[in-house]
Protein backbone atom coordinates (compact mmCIF):
# COMPACT_ATOMS: atom_id res chain seq x y z
CA MET A 1 108.04 98.38 127.39
CA PRO A 2 106.89 97.00 123.97
CA LEU A 3 109.81 98.82 122.34
CA THR A 4 112.24 97.14 124.73
CA VAL A 5 110.92 93.70 123.79
CA LEU A 6 111.06 94.62 120.11
CA LYS A 7 114.71 95.56 120.40
CA ASN A 8 115.99 92.97 122.87
CA THR A 9 114.10 89.96 121.54
CA PHE A 10 113.53 90.68 117.86
CA GLY A 11 116.44 93.02 117.16
CA TYR A 12 114.48 95.94 115.61
CA ASP A 13 114.63 99.58 116.67
CA THR A 14 111.21 100.84 115.59
CA PHE A 15 107.69 99.56 115.01
CA ARG A 16 106.16 99.64 111.54
CA GLY A 17 102.79 101.08 110.64
CA GLN A 18 100.11 100.40 113.25
CA GLN A 19 101.98 97.69 115.15
CA PHE A 20 102.41 99.77 118.31
CA GLU A 21 98.74 100.86 118.41
CA ILE A 22 97.60 97.24 117.99
CA ILE A 23 99.89 96.05 120.79
CA GLU A 24 98.61 98.83 123.07
CA ALA A 25 95.00 97.84 122.39
CA LEU A 26 95.65 94.22 123.39
CA LEU A 27 97.57 95.26 126.49
CA ALA A 28 94.53 97.37 127.41
CA ASN A 29 92.40 94.19 127.19
CA LYS A 30 90.65 95.22 123.96
CA ASP A 31 89.80 93.05 120.97
CA ALA A 32 91.36 93.85 117.59
CA LEU A 33 90.76 93.02 113.93
CA VAL A 34 93.98 93.48 111.95
CA LEU A 35 94.28 93.68 108.18
CA MET A 36 97.92 93.95 107.22
CA PRO A 37 99.64 92.96 103.95
CA THR A 38 101.85 89.89 103.79
CA GLY A 39 105.27 90.71 105.19
CA GLY A 40 103.86 93.65 107.16
CA GLY A 41 104.70 92.19 110.58
CA LYS A 42 101.36 90.79 111.78
CA SER A 43 102.93 88.20 114.10
CA LEU A 44 104.64 90.83 116.26
CA CYS A 45 101.22 92.33 116.99
CA TYR A 46 100.31 89.36 119.22
CA GLN A 47 103.75 87.97 120.07
CA ILE A 48 104.92 91.07 121.91
CA PRO A 49 101.79 91.53 124.09
CA ALA A 50 101.93 87.80 124.88
CA LEU A 51 105.55 88.19 126.02
CA LEU A 52 104.60 91.21 128.13
CA GLY A 53 101.59 89.48 129.70
CA ASP A 54 101.65 87.32 132.82
CA GLY A 55 100.41 84.16 131.20
CA LEU A 56 100.09 82.31 127.94
CA GLY A 57 99.29 83.65 124.48
CA VAL A 58 97.22 81.11 122.54
CA VAL A 59 97.50 81.30 118.73
CA ILE A 60 94.97 79.57 116.47
CA SER A 61 96.66 78.64 113.19
CA PRO A 62 95.27 76.56 110.29
CA LEU A 63 98.42 74.70 109.21
CA ILE A 64 100.78 72.36 111.02
CA ALA A 65 103.77 73.48 108.92
CA LEU A 66 103.07 77.11 109.75
CA MET A 67 102.98 76.37 113.48
CA GLN A 68 106.24 74.47 113.37
CA ASP A 69 108.04 77.22 111.46
CA GLN A 70 106.84 79.98 113.77
CA VAL A 71 107.69 78.03 116.90
CA SER A 72 111.18 77.22 115.53
CA ALA A 73 111.78 80.90 114.79
CA LEU A 74 110.59 81.98 118.24
CA ARG A 75 112.82 79.45 120.00
CA GLN A 76 115.86 80.83 118.18
CA LEU A 77 114.87 84.21 119.63
CA GLY A 78 114.85 82.74 123.12
CA VAL A 79 111.06 82.74 123.40
CA PRO A 80 109.52 79.69 125.12
CA ALA A 81 107.01 78.64 122.48
CA GLU A 82 105.28 75.34 121.75
CA PHE A 83 102.64 73.90 119.46
CA LEU A 84 100.03 71.20 120.04
CA ASN A 85 98.89 69.25 117.00
CA SER A 86 98.51 65.75 115.59
CA SER A 87 102.17 65.54 114.55
CA LEU A 88 103.24 65.10 118.19
CA SER A 89 103.26 61.90 120.19
CA HIS A 90 100.97 61.61 123.23
CA GLU A 91 104.03 61.70 125.45
CA ARG A 92 105.28 64.94 123.90
CA GLN A 93 101.84 66.52 124.13
CA ARG A 94 101.70 65.61 127.81
CA GLU A 95 105.15 67.15 128.39
CA ILE A 96 103.98 70.43 126.79
CA GLU A 97 100.77 70.49 128.85
CA LEU A 98 102.79 70.02 132.05
CA ALA A 99 105.16 72.84 131.00
CA ILE A 100 102.13 75.09 130.42
CA GLY A 101 100.88 74.19 133.88
CA ARG A 102 104.23 75.28 135.31
CA ASN A 103 103.93 78.62 133.45
CA GLU A 104 107.02 77.80 131.36
CA VAL A 105 105.43 78.55 127.96
CA LYS A 106 104.64 82.05 126.66
CA LEU A 107 103.16 81.24 123.23
CA LEU A 108 101.14 78.16 122.32
CA TYR A 109 100.07 77.40 118.74
CA MET A 110 97.19 75.04 117.98
CA ALA A 111 94.80 74.17 115.17
CA PRO A 112 91.16 75.32 115.42
CA GLU A 113 89.76 71.80 115.59
CA ARG A 114 91.74 71.18 118.78
CA LEU A 115 89.49 73.63 120.62
CA ALA A 116 86.63 71.15 120.19
CA ARG A 117 88.44 68.68 122.46
CA GLU A 118 87.17 68.46 126.01
CA GLU A 119 90.66 68.22 127.49
CA THR A 120 91.76 71.39 125.65
CA LEU A 121 88.78 73.36 126.96
CA GLU A 122 89.45 72.10 130.48
CA MET A 123 93.08 73.24 130.25
CA LEU A 124 92.11 76.69 128.93
CA THR A 125 89.33 77.08 131.52
CA THR A 126 91.76 76.29 134.34
CA LEU A 127 94.30 78.79 133.01
CA VAL A 128 91.69 81.54 132.59
CA ARG A 129 90.50 81.04 136.17
CA LYS A 130 94.09 81.63 137.28
CA ASN A 131 94.41 84.73 134.98
CA ARG A 132 97.12 82.88 133.07
CA ILE A 133 95.96 83.47 129.47
CA SER A 134 97.03 86.83 128.11
CA LEU A 135 95.28 86.69 124.71
CA PHE A 136 93.81 84.59 121.92
CA ALA A 137 95.19 85.27 118.44
CA ILE A 138 93.26 83.96 115.42
CA ASP A 139 95.68 83.89 112.51
CA GLU A 140 94.51 83.74 108.86
CA ALA A 141 91.10 84.94 110.07
CA HIS A 142 89.70 85.08 106.52
CA CYS A 143 89.39 81.28 106.78
CA VAL A 144 86.12 81.89 108.67
CA SER A 145 84.51 83.38 105.57
CA GLN A 146 82.32 81.02 103.57
CA TRP A 147 82.61 83.53 100.71
CA GLY A 148 86.40 83.38 100.84
CA HIS A 149 89.00 81.34 98.96
CA ASP A 150 90.49 79.60 102.02
CA PHE A 151 87.35 78.65 103.95
CA ARG A 152 87.90 76.28 106.90
CA SER A 153 84.72 75.00 108.53
CA GLU A 154 86.56 74.57 111.86
CA TYR A 155 86.95 78.36 112.04
CA LEU A 156 83.16 78.72 112.41
CA ASN A 157 83.46 77.38 115.96
CA LEU A 158 85.95 80.01 117.10
CA ASN A 159 83.19 82.27 118.42
CA MET A 160 83.30 79.96 121.44
CA LEU A 161 86.43 81.82 122.58
CA HIS A 162 84.28 84.89 123.17
CA GLN A 163 81.38 82.94 124.60
CA GLN A 164 83.43 80.92 127.11
CA PHE A 165 86.29 83.34 127.81
CA PRO A 166 84.87 86.86 127.31
CA GLU A 167 87.45 88.40 129.63
CA VAL A 168 90.42 87.38 127.44
CA PRO A 169 91.27 89.82 124.62
CA ARG A 170 91.23 88.44 121.06
CA ILE A 171 93.05 89.53 117.94
CA ALA A 172 92.01 88.30 114.48
CA LEU A 173 94.57 88.79 111.71
CA THR A 174 94.55 88.43 107.93
CA ALA A 175 96.31 89.82 104.88
CA THR A 176 93.36 89.43 102.53
CA ALA A 177 89.77 90.51 103.15
CA ASP A 178 87.43 92.69 101.14
CA ALA A 179 84.58 94.56 102.87
CA ARG A 180 82.21 91.57 102.73
CA THR A 181 84.80 89.20 104.21
CA ARG A 182 85.61 91.69 106.98
CA ARG A 183 81.95 91.89 107.93
CA GLU A 184 81.77 88.11 108.03
CA ILE A 185 84.86 87.85 110.24
CA VAL A 186 83.32 90.31 112.70
CA GLU A 187 79.97 88.52 112.71
CA ARG A 188 81.18 84.94 112.95
CA LEU A 189 83.91 85.60 115.53
CA GLN A 190 81.70 88.01 117.51
CA LEU A 191 84.18 90.85 117.22
CA GLU A 192 81.54 93.61 117.15
CA ASN A 193 83.43 95.63 119.79
CA ALA A 194 86.89 95.10 118.30
CA GLN A 195 89.05 97.96 117.15
CA HIS A 196 89.79 97.76 113.43
CA PHE A 197 93.33 98.29 112.19
CA VAL A 198 93.42 98.31 108.39
CA SER A 199 96.83 98.89 106.83
CA GLY A 200 97.22 99.58 103.14
CA PHE A 201 97.07 96.64 100.77
CA ASP A 202 99.84 97.99 98.55
CA ARG A 203 102.97 95.90 98.06
CA PRO A 204 105.07 98.41 96.10
CA ASN A 205 108.00 96.01 95.73
CA ILE A 206 105.89 93.59 93.65
CA GLN A 207 105.69 94.20 89.91
CA TYR A 208 102.36 92.95 88.50
CA ARG A 209 102.31 91.54 84.97
CA VAL A 210 99.60 89.72 83.01
CA GLY A 211 100.14 88.30 79.51
CA ILE A 212 98.03 86.42 77.01
CA LYS A 213 98.44 82.64 77.21
CA ASP A 214 100.21 81.15 74.21
CA GLN A 215 102.36 78.08 74.91
CA PRO A 216 102.39 78.92 78.63
CA ARG A 217 105.28 76.68 79.69
CA GLN A 218 107.50 78.14 77.00
CA GLN A 219 106.43 81.64 78.09
CA LEU A 220 107.29 80.74 81.69
CA LEU A 221 110.68 79.37 80.63
CA GLU A 222 111.52 82.56 78.74
CA PHE A 223 110.50 84.66 81.77
CA ILE A 224 112.67 82.62 84.13
CA GLN A 225 115.66 82.53 81.79
CA ALA A 226 115.48 86.28 81.12
CA GLU A 227 114.91 87.47 84.67
CA GLN A 228 114.87 84.85 87.41
CA MET A 229 117.86 82.54 86.99
CA GLY A 230 119.08 81.46 90.41
CA ASN A 231 115.96 82.75 92.19
CA SER A 232 113.30 80.92 94.16
CA GLY A 233 109.70 81.10 93.01
CA ILE A 234 106.22 79.58 93.22
CA ILE A 235 104.33 78.50 90.09
CA TYR A 236 100.58 77.95 90.42
CA CYS A 237 98.52 75.65 88.20
CA LEU A 238 94.82 74.85 88.41
CA SER A 239 95.02 71.04 88.32
CA ARG A 240 97.20 68.38 89.91
CA LYS A 241 97.95 66.96 86.47
CA ALA A 242 99.24 70.33 85.27
CA VAL A 243 101.37 70.66 88.42
CA ASP A 244 103.07 67.29 87.88
CA ALA A 245 103.62 67.91 84.17
CA THR A 246 105.03 71.41 84.67
CA ALA A 247 107.40 70.34 87.47
CA GLU A 248 108.69 67.49 85.30
CA TRP A 249 109.00 69.79 82.25
CA LEU A 250 111.09 72.32 84.21
CA SER A 251 113.21 69.60 85.82
CA LEU A 252 114.09 68.20 82.40
CA ARG A 253 115.41 71.66 81.52
CA GLY A 254 117.79 71.75 84.47
CA PHE A 255 115.74 73.53 87.13
CA THR A 256 115.04 72.31 90.63
CA ALA A 257 111.25 72.21 90.41
CA LEU A 258 109.16 70.34 93.00
CA ALA A 259 105.46 69.44 92.81
CA TYR A 260 102.97 70.10 95.58
CA HIS A 261 99.28 69.21 95.63
CA ALA A 262 96.78 67.36 97.80
CA GLY A 263 97.11 64.18 95.75
CA LEU A 264 100.70 63.60 96.85
CA PRO A 265 101.48 61.57 100.01
CA ALA A 266 101.82 63.75 103.11
CA SER A 267 105.45 62.67 103.49
CA VAL A 268 106.28 63.87 99.96
CA ARG A 269 104.49 67.20 100.51
CA LYS A 270 106.42 67.75 103.73
CA GLN A 271 109.74 66.85 102.10
CA HIS A 272 109.12 69.23 99.19
CA GLN A 273 107.97 72.04 101.46
CA ASP A 274 111.01 71.62 103.73
CA ARG A 275 113.34 71.74 100.72
CA PHE A 276 111.62 74.87 99.40
CA LEU A 277 111.98 76.63 102.74
CA ARG A 278 115.58 75.63 103.35
CA GLU A 279 117.23 75.67 99.93
CA ASP A 280 118.07 78.45 97.50
CA ASN A 281 117.34 78.45 93.78
CA ILE A 282 114.29 76.22 94.02
CA MET A 283 110.82 76.39 92.48
CA MET A 284 107.58 74.99 93.86
CA VAL A 285 104.98 74.09 91.25
CA ALA A 286 101.69 73.83 93.11
CA THR A 287 97.95 74.03 93.31
CA ILE A 288 96.38 76.40 95.82
CA ALA A 289 96.98 73.65 98.42
CA PHE A 290 100.42 75.25 98.88
CA GLY A 291 101.21 78.63 100.28
CA MET A 292 99.22 79.77 103.28
CA GLY A 293 101.62 80.85 105.97
CA ILE A 294 104.74 80.16 103.90
CA ASP A 295 107.26 82.51 105.45
CA LYS A 296 110.15 82.17 102.99
CA PRO A 297 111.23 85.81 102.64
CA ASP A 298 113.25 85.61 99.41
CA VAL A 299 110.64 84.28 96.97
CA ARG A 300 111.46 86.46 93.98
CA PHE A 301 108.53 85.55 91.76
CA VAL A 302 105.07 84.02 91.83
CA ALA A 303 103.82 82.78 88.45
CA HIS A 304 100.29 81.75 87.48
CA LEU A 305 99.91 79.43 84.50
CA ASP A 306 96.16 79.34 85.12
CA LEU A 307 93.74 81.97 86.32
CA PRO A 308 92.89 82.05 90.05
CA LYS A 309 89.21 82.25 91.05
CA SER A 310 89.21 85.77 92.46
CA ILE A 311 91.22 88.91 93.09
CA GLU A 312 91.45 87.88 96.76
CA ALA A 313 93.05 84.57 95.77
CA TYR A 314 95.38 86.33 93.33
CA TYR A 315 96.43 88.89 95.95
CA GLN A 316 96.98 86.21 98.59
CA GLU A 317 99.05 84.02 96.27
CA THR A 318 101.14 86.80 94.73
CA GLY A 319 101.73 88.19 98.22
CA ARG A 320 104.04 85.25 98.91
CA ALA A 321 106.63 86.99 96.74
CA GLY A 322 109.03 89.55 98.14
CA ARG A 323 108.20 89.22 101.83
CA ASP A 324 111.67 90.63 102.54
CA GLY A 325 110.67 93.92 100.91
CA ASN A 326 113.05 93.50 97.98
CA PRO A 327 111.78 93.62 94.36
CA ALA A 328 109.67 90.68 93.22
CA THR A 329 107.42 89.85 90.27
CA ALA A 330 103.85 88.57 90.04
CA TRP A 331 103.70 87.05 86.55
CA MET A 332 100.58 85.53 85.01
CA VAL A 333 99.35 84.36 81.62
CA TYR A 334 95.69 83.73 80.92
CA GLY A 335 93.35 83.12 78.02
CA LEU A 336 89.70 82.77 77.16
CA GLN A 337 89.69 79.06 78.02
CA ASP A 338 90.73 79.90 81.60
CA ALA A 339 87.63 82.06 82.03
CA ILE A 340 85.38 79.45 80.39
CA LYS A 341 86.78 76.61 82.50
CA LEU A 342 86.41 78.49 85.79
CA LYS A 343 82.90 79.68 84.98
CA GLN A 344 81.87 76.10 84.23
CA MET A 345 83.48 74.82 87.45
CA MET A 346 81.64 77.45 89.47
CA GLU A 347 78.27 76.72 87.87
CA GLN A 348 78.66 72.97 88.34
CA GLY A 349 80.07 73.20 91.88
CA ASP A 350 78.36 72.98 95.25
CA GLY A 351 76.68 75.96 96.83
CA ASN A 352 73.39 77.77 96.49
CA ALA A 353 72.52 80.39 93.88
CA ILE A 354 73.63 83.30 96.08
CA PHE A 355 77.03 81.71 96.70
CA LYS A 356 77.52 80.98 93.00
CA LEU A 357 76.57 84.55 92.11
CA ALA A 358 79.16 85.87 94.56
CA GLU A 359 81.82 83.57 93.09
CA ALA A 360 80.93 84.69 89.57
CA GLN A 361 81.19 88.35 90.58
CA LYS A 362 84.64 87.75 92.07
CA LEU A 363 85.83 86.03 88.89
CA ASP A 364 84.40 88.85 86.76
CA ALA A 365 86.37 91.35 88.84
CA LEU A 366 89.57 89.36 88.24
CA LEU A 367 88.89 89.21 84.49
CA GLY A 368 88.46 92.96 84.52
CA PHE A 369 91.80 93.29 86.31
CA CYS A 370 93.45 91.15 83.61
CA GLU A 371 92.09 93.28 80.76
CA VAL A 372 92.58 96.73 82.29
CA THR A 373 94.41 99.31 80.16
CA THR A 374 95.21 101.68 83.05
CA CYS A 375 97.48 101.10 86.06
CA ARG A 376 97.07 97.49 87.16
CA ARG A 377 98.10 98.19 90.77
CA ASN A 378 95.46 100.91 91.12
CA THR A 379 92.79 98.49 89.88
CA LEU A 380 93.92 95.93 92.45
CA LEU A 381 93.95 98.40 95.33
CA ASN A 382 90.65 100.01 94.35
CA TYR A 383 89.03 96.58 94.56
CA PHE A 384 89.98 96.46 98.24
CA GLY A 385 88.56 99.93 98.85
CA GLU A 386 91.75 101.97 98.55
CA ASN A 387 91.43 104.88 96.17
CA HIS A 388 94.62 105.25 94.14
CA ASN A 389 94.74 107.37 91.01
CA ASN A 390 98.40 108.02 90.25
CA PRO A 391 100.14 105.44 88.04
CA CYS A 392 102.44 103.18 90.08
CA GLY A 393 105.23 102.93 87.49
CA ASN A 394 105.86 99.29 88.46
CA CYS A 395 103.28 97.23 86.57
CA ASP A 396 103.11 96.17 82.94
CA THR A 397 100.41 98.67 81.97
CA CYS A 398 102.48 101.53 83.38
CA LEU A 399 105.81 100.37 81.98
CA LEU A 400 104.43 99.39 78.58
CA PRO A 401 100.99 101.04 78.12
CA PRO A 402 98.76 98.81 75.97
CA LYS A 403 97.54 100.05 72.62
CA THR A 404 93.78 100.15 72.07
CA TRP A 405 91.53 100.06 69.02
CA ASP A 406 87.93 100.86 68.13
CA ALA A 407 86.34 97.42 68.23
CA SER A 408 82.72 98.55 67.94
CA THR A 409 82.12 96.92 64.55
CA ALA A 410 84.09 93.77 65.42
CA ALA A 411 82.10 93.39 68.64
CA GLN A 412 78.83 93.75 66.71
CA LYS A 413 79.93 90.98 64.35
CA ALA A 414 80.95 88.70 67.24
CA LEU A 415 77.75 89.28 69.21
CA SER A 416 75.57 88.87 66.11
CA THR A 417 77.29 85.57 65.31
CA ILE A 418 76.55 84.28 68.81
CA HIS A 419 72.91 85.29 68.40
CA ARG A 420 72.39 83.95 64.87
CA SER A 421 73.98 80.60 65.65
CA GLY A 422 71.57 80.07 68.53
CA GLN A 423 73.90 80.78 71.49
CA ARG A 424 74.88 77.09 71.50
CA PHE A 425 78.51 77.10 70.31
CA GLY A 426 81.97 77.69 71.69
CA VAL A 427 84.53 80.24 70.60
CA ALA A 428 86.34 78.02 68.06
CA HIS A 429 83.18 77.41 66.06
CA LEU A 430 82.16 81.07 66.27
CA ILE A 431 85.55 82.09 64.87
CA SER A 432 85.12 79.56 62.05
CA ILE A 433 81.83 81.27 61.12
CA LEU A 434 83.33 84.76 61.22
CA THR A 435 86.40 83.85 59.16
CA GLY A 436 84.46 81.80 56.63
CA ALA A 437 86.09 78.47 57.40
CA ASN A 438 84.62 75.47 55.61
CA THR A 439 84.69 72.88 58.39
CA GLN A 440 82.62 69.74 58.80
CA LYS A 441 80.80 71.34 61.73
CA ILE A 442 80.00 74.45 59.65
CA GLN A 443 78.47 72.21 57.00
CA GLN A 444 76.65 70.06 59.55
CA PHE A 445 74.78 73.02 61.03
CA HIS A 446 74.49 74.93 57.71
CA HIS A 447 76.26 77.89 59.30
CA ASP A 448 77.73 78.84 55.94
CA LYS A 449 74.21 80.15 55.22
CA LEU A 450 74.27 82.62 58.13
CA SER A 451 74.49 86.32 57.29
CA THR A 452 77.58 86.57 59.52
CA TYR A 453 79.43 83.77 57.72
CA GLY A 454 82.77 85.14 56.47
CA ILE A 455 82.13 88.75 57.55
CA GLY A 456 85.15 88.79 59.87
CA LYS A 457 88.02 87.97 57.54
CA GLU A 458 89.74 91.26 58.38
CA LEU A 459 90.86 89.67 61.68
CA ASP A 460 92.67 86.37 62.11
CA ALA A 461 91.67 83.66 64.60
CA THR A 462 94.01 84.96 67.31
CA GLN A 463 92.55 88.46 67.05
CA TRP A 464 88.98 87.14 67.18
CA ARG A 465 89.88 85.09 70.24
CA SER A 466 91.07 88.31 71.87
CA VAL A 467 87.75 90.00 71.02
CA PHE A 468 85.70 87.17 72.56
CA ARG A 469 88.00 87.01 75.60
CA GLN A 470 87.56 90.70 76.31
CA LEU A 471 83.80 90.57 75.74
CA VAL A 472 83.62 87.82 78.40
CA ALA A 473 85.83 89.85 80.75
CA MET A 474 83.64 92.93 80.26
CA ASN A 475 80.45 90.96 81.01
CA PHE A 476 78.87 91.40 77.58
CA ILE A 477 78.82 87.63 77.04
CA THR A 478 79.04 84.67 79.37
CA VAL A 479 79.45 80.90 79.36
CA ASP A 480 76.49 78.52 79.58
CA ILE A 481 76.25 75.92 82.36
CA SER A 482 75.95 72.86 80.13
CA GLY A 483 79.66 72.15 80.28
CA TYR A 484 80.23 72.59 76.53
CA GLY A 485 81.56 76.15 76.76
CA ALA A 486 78.91 77.77 74.60
CA LEU A 487 78.98 81.57 74.67
CA THR A 488 75.70 83.34 75.39
CA LEU A 489 74.65 86.99 75.31
CA ARG A 490 74.06 89.14 78.36
CA GLU A 491 71.48 91.90 78.43
CA SER A 492 74.33 94.39 78.81
CA CYS A 493 75.46 93.79 75.21
CA ARG A 494 72.24 95.12 73.63
CA ALA A 495 73.49 98.69 73.06
CA ILE A 496 76.71 97.44 71.39
CA LEU A 497 74.83 94.95 69.24
CA LYS A 498 72.52 97.71 68.02
CA GLY A 499 75.41 100.08 67.31
CA GLU A 500 74.33 102.52 70.04
CA GLN A 501 77.51 102.15 72.13
CA ALA A 502 81.13 102.37 71.03
CA LEU A 503 83.62 99.85 72.37
CA THR A 504 87.38 100.17 72.77
CA LEU A 505 89.45 97.01 73.34
CA ARG A 506 93.10 96.46 74.12
CA MET A 507 95.38 95.25 71.38
CA ASP A 508 97.24 92.13 72.43
CA PRO A 509 100.98 92.59 71.95
CA LYS A 510 102.80 89.94 69.94
CA VAL A 511 105.45 89.59 72.64
CA THR A 512 105.62 91.33 76.01
CA ARG A 513 109.03 91.47 77.63
CA LEU A 514 109.68 93.75 80.56
CA LYS A 515 112.79 93.87 82.65
CA SER A 516 111.72 93.03 86.16
CA LYS A 517 113.26 94.93 89.01
CA SER A 518 113.61 91.56 90.71
CA ALA A 519 115.98 90.18 88.08
CA SER A 520 118.98 90.78 90.31
CA LYS A 521 119.67 88.43 93.15
CA SER A 522 120.72 89.80 96.52
CA ALA A 523 124.37 89.22 95.76
CA GLN A 524 124.16 91.36 92.66
CA ARG A 525 123.04 94.35 94.74
CA ILE A 526 126.34 94.20 96.62
CA GLU A 527 129.55 95.94 95.71
CA GLU A 528 131.98 93.59 94.02
CA GLU A 529 134.53 93.84 96.81
CA ASP A 530 131.87 92.72 99.35
CA LEU A 531 130.85 89.59 97.47
CA PRO A 532 133.31 87.24 99.27
CA LEU A 533 131.92 88.36 102.64
CA TRP A 534 128.33 87.97 101.40
CA VAL A 535 129.05 84.41 100.27
CA ALA A 536 130.82 83.57 103.54
CA LEU A 537 127.99 84.96 105.71
CA ARG A 538 125.41 82.99 103.76
CA LYS A 539 127.46 79.81 104.13
CA CYS A 540 127.75 80.39 107.87
CA ARG A 541 123.98 80.88 108.04
CA LYS A 542 123.30 77.77 106.01
CA ASP A 543 125.62 75.60 108.12
CA LEU A 544 123.96 76.80 111.33
CA ALA A 545 120.48 76.25 109.90
CA GLU A 546 121.31 72.69 108.84
CA SER A 547 122.76 71.86 112.24
CA LEU A 548 119.60 73.13 113.95
CA GLY A 549 117.16 71.74 111.39
CA VAL A 550 115.57 75.08 110.56
CA PRO A 551 115.29 77.21 107.40
CA PRO A 552 118.19 79.69 106.93
CA TYR A 553 115.95 82.75 107.36
CA VAL A 554 115.14 81.58 110.90
CA ILE A 555 118.80 82.31 111.74
CA PHE A 556 118.92 85.71 109.98
CA HIS A 557 117.17 87.28 107.00
CA ASP A 558 119.17 88.51 104.01
CA ALA A 559 118.52 92.09 105.19
CA THR A 560 120.38 91.32 108.43
CA LEU A 561 123.37 89.90 106.56
CA LEU A 562 123.44 92.97 104.32
CA ASP A 563 123.43 95.21 107.41
CA MET A 564 126.33 93.18 108.82
CA ILE A 565 128.28 93.87 105.63
CA SER A 566 127.50 97.56 105.96
CA LYS A 567 128.36 97.89 109.68
CA ARG A 568 131.11 95.22 110.01
CA PRO A 569 130.49 94.70 113.77
CA SER A 570 133.52 93.55 115.75
CA SER A 571 131.95 93.42 119.23
CA LYS A 572 128.73 92.06 120.69
CA GLN A 573 127.52 95.58 121.42
CA ALA A 574 128.14 96.59 117.83
CA LEU A 575 126.38 93.45 116.62
CA LEU A 576 123.25 94.45 118.55
CA SER A 577 123.01 97.55 116.37
CA VAL A 578 122.47 95.34 113.31
CA SER A 579 118.82 95.15 112.25
CA GLY A 580 117.33 91.79 113.18
CA VAL A 581 119.89 90.89 115.87
CA GLY A 582 118.39 90.59 119.35
CA LYS A 583 120.09 89.48 122.54
CA SER A 584 119.26 85.79 122.19
CA LYS A 585 120.55 85.48 118.62
CA MET A 586 123.58 87.59 119.48
CA GLU A 587 124.48 85.14 122.26
CA LYS A 588 123.75 82.07 120.13
CA PHE A 589 125.23 83.05 116.79
CA GLY A 590 127.02 86.36 117.17
CA GLN A 591 130.57 85.09 117.58
CA GLN A 592 130.36 82.84 114.50
CA PHE A 593 129.29 85.71 112.28
CA MET A 594 131.84 88.13 113.74
CA ASP A 595 134.54 85.53 113.11
CA VAL A 596 133.41 85.30 109.48
CA ILE A 597 133.55 89.10 109.15
CA GLU A 598 137.03 89.27 110.70
CA ASN A 599 138.43 86.38 108.66
CA THR A 600 137.00 87.58 105.35
CA LEU A 601 138.20 91.17 105.55
C-alpha cells in the first residue's frame, strides 16, 4: 500500500533508505525520531502514512514560507493539503476549519505557537475523539534544543501533544542533531518510547572547501567566475551590514544578488525569497535568518564569508546545496578575526556558564574542522558519531593535501610573547613584537625591551597570523572576555611552551583553486543534440509555474526533465514511467510536456 501511494501520487518506484520502515512504524501507531540528511526524503515519511490514514495528518513547522511551499507542492500532486497561520484572513481560516470538519483535508501545516490557542486545541480534541487524526509530525525538531543553533522557545510546549493526545503517533524529524541534541529532543518532546531512525549524515555530492580569508569578496568573485557562472547559490555573512554590502558589491559586478536578513521589511524578505525560489541564476546573500526549510533543489553552492558558530550550523547551512543530488560546493573562507569575534560574542551574550561552555566547545570543534590536514568530510562525519576513515576524494584536503611544517619553535616564540607581554594584547601587536616593528604602541609599552622582541623575523606577518590562528583553533590559546581581543594562554600550551611537545601546523597555500564538480550546469551534462529539448522543457516548466504562482521545481525537478529526455514518452502510460511523474501531475501537465517532446524532435 505505501508503495502504491509512492508511485501513483509522487511518481517514484522505490523508497530510499529507511523511508519504508519509518512509514510502517507510524502506520503501526508507534512514535518515531528521524534523523535524515537534507534532501533525503524526510517529508514522505509522514506524508504517505497521513494519506493512508483515515483522518488528518497535522504537521508542526516553524516557518510560514516553508508551509506555503510544501502545501503548494502537495496540491500539484493532487493531495488535499492546507496550512493555518497568520498570513491568512479570518475568513480563509474559517473555510479551512470547516473543510477539516468535513474530512476534506489530509495534511494540515501549522506553526507551533498556534497549538497554544484554545480554539486549536478544541478542534484537535474533537478530531481525536472521532479518531480523525492520523499523526502529528514535528518538522525541524532540533528547534526544541536550547543548545542548538535554531532554538525556538515555542517548540518547548510541543510535549503537550503527548500529554493531551497520547493515542496519536508522533514523528519528530531533523537533518541536524548531535548526540546531545538528540537526547534533548527525546526528553523535551517525551519521545522516550520512540523508535530511532538515524540515516547517515554524508552528502557525497557536496564538495567541502575551506580557505584562508584574504579579501573575501574578491575571493568569492574569483570562485563564482571560475566555477559557478549561471548557477544559483547562497552566501552567508555574519552581520546585516555585511549582507547588504556584499549583495550590492555583487550586483555592481553584474550578478543578480539579493539581500536577506531580519532587518529588512517582511515584504522585501518575502519578495526576495520568492525570486530566489522561482528564478534561475540568482544568489541570496543572507544572515542565518534565511534558509531553514528552503526546498530549492538546484542550489549549486553555499558560500560562507564569515565563520558559523558550530559544526551543526555549518552542516545545516551547507546542506541547502545540492538537494537534487547533483554536484554542489560548500565554500568558506575564514581567518583569525572570525574566531576572535565569535568567541567575544559568545562570552558577552546571554546564557549561563554551562551554556557558554557548550557554545565555546562547539566553536572549537568547528575551528578544528577548518584547520584539519586529513579528509575534511571524515572530520565532519566523525563529529556526528559516524566513523569514517577512508579519504572521500571530494574535499579540498583530499584533492589538494595541505603541506605541513614543524612549528614547534615558532609556537614557543608566539606563546612566550603572549606571556611576556602580560596576556593583554591582540594578534597585531603580538606580531609587531615578534617581527621587531617599531610602532608607537611598542614604544608606549616598552615592548622593544622584551626578550621576544624581534625574535620572529624569519616569518612575515601573514605567516605569524597563521600560527596564532592555528594555536587558537587547537585550543592552546584563547581570547579574553574584555572585548579587546587579547590572546591568553591555556593550560594545554604548557608542554609546547617548555619545549616538551612538538607541534606540526599546516602551511597556508598562497592560492587555492580547485575545479569543483559542480561547475557544470545541468544543461552542460546533456548531449549537444538534446540541448534544444532541454531548453524547451525548462521553458514549458517555467511558463506553467508562473501561471500557477509556484516555483518551477514544484512542477517537476530537473531530474524528471532529464528522465523525459532519456525516455521520450509519447503516451500517458509511458510518461508515468518517468521518475517524479505521478497520476495527478500526468493528468495536469503531461500533455504539455509530451507536446514539447514531439515538437522538438
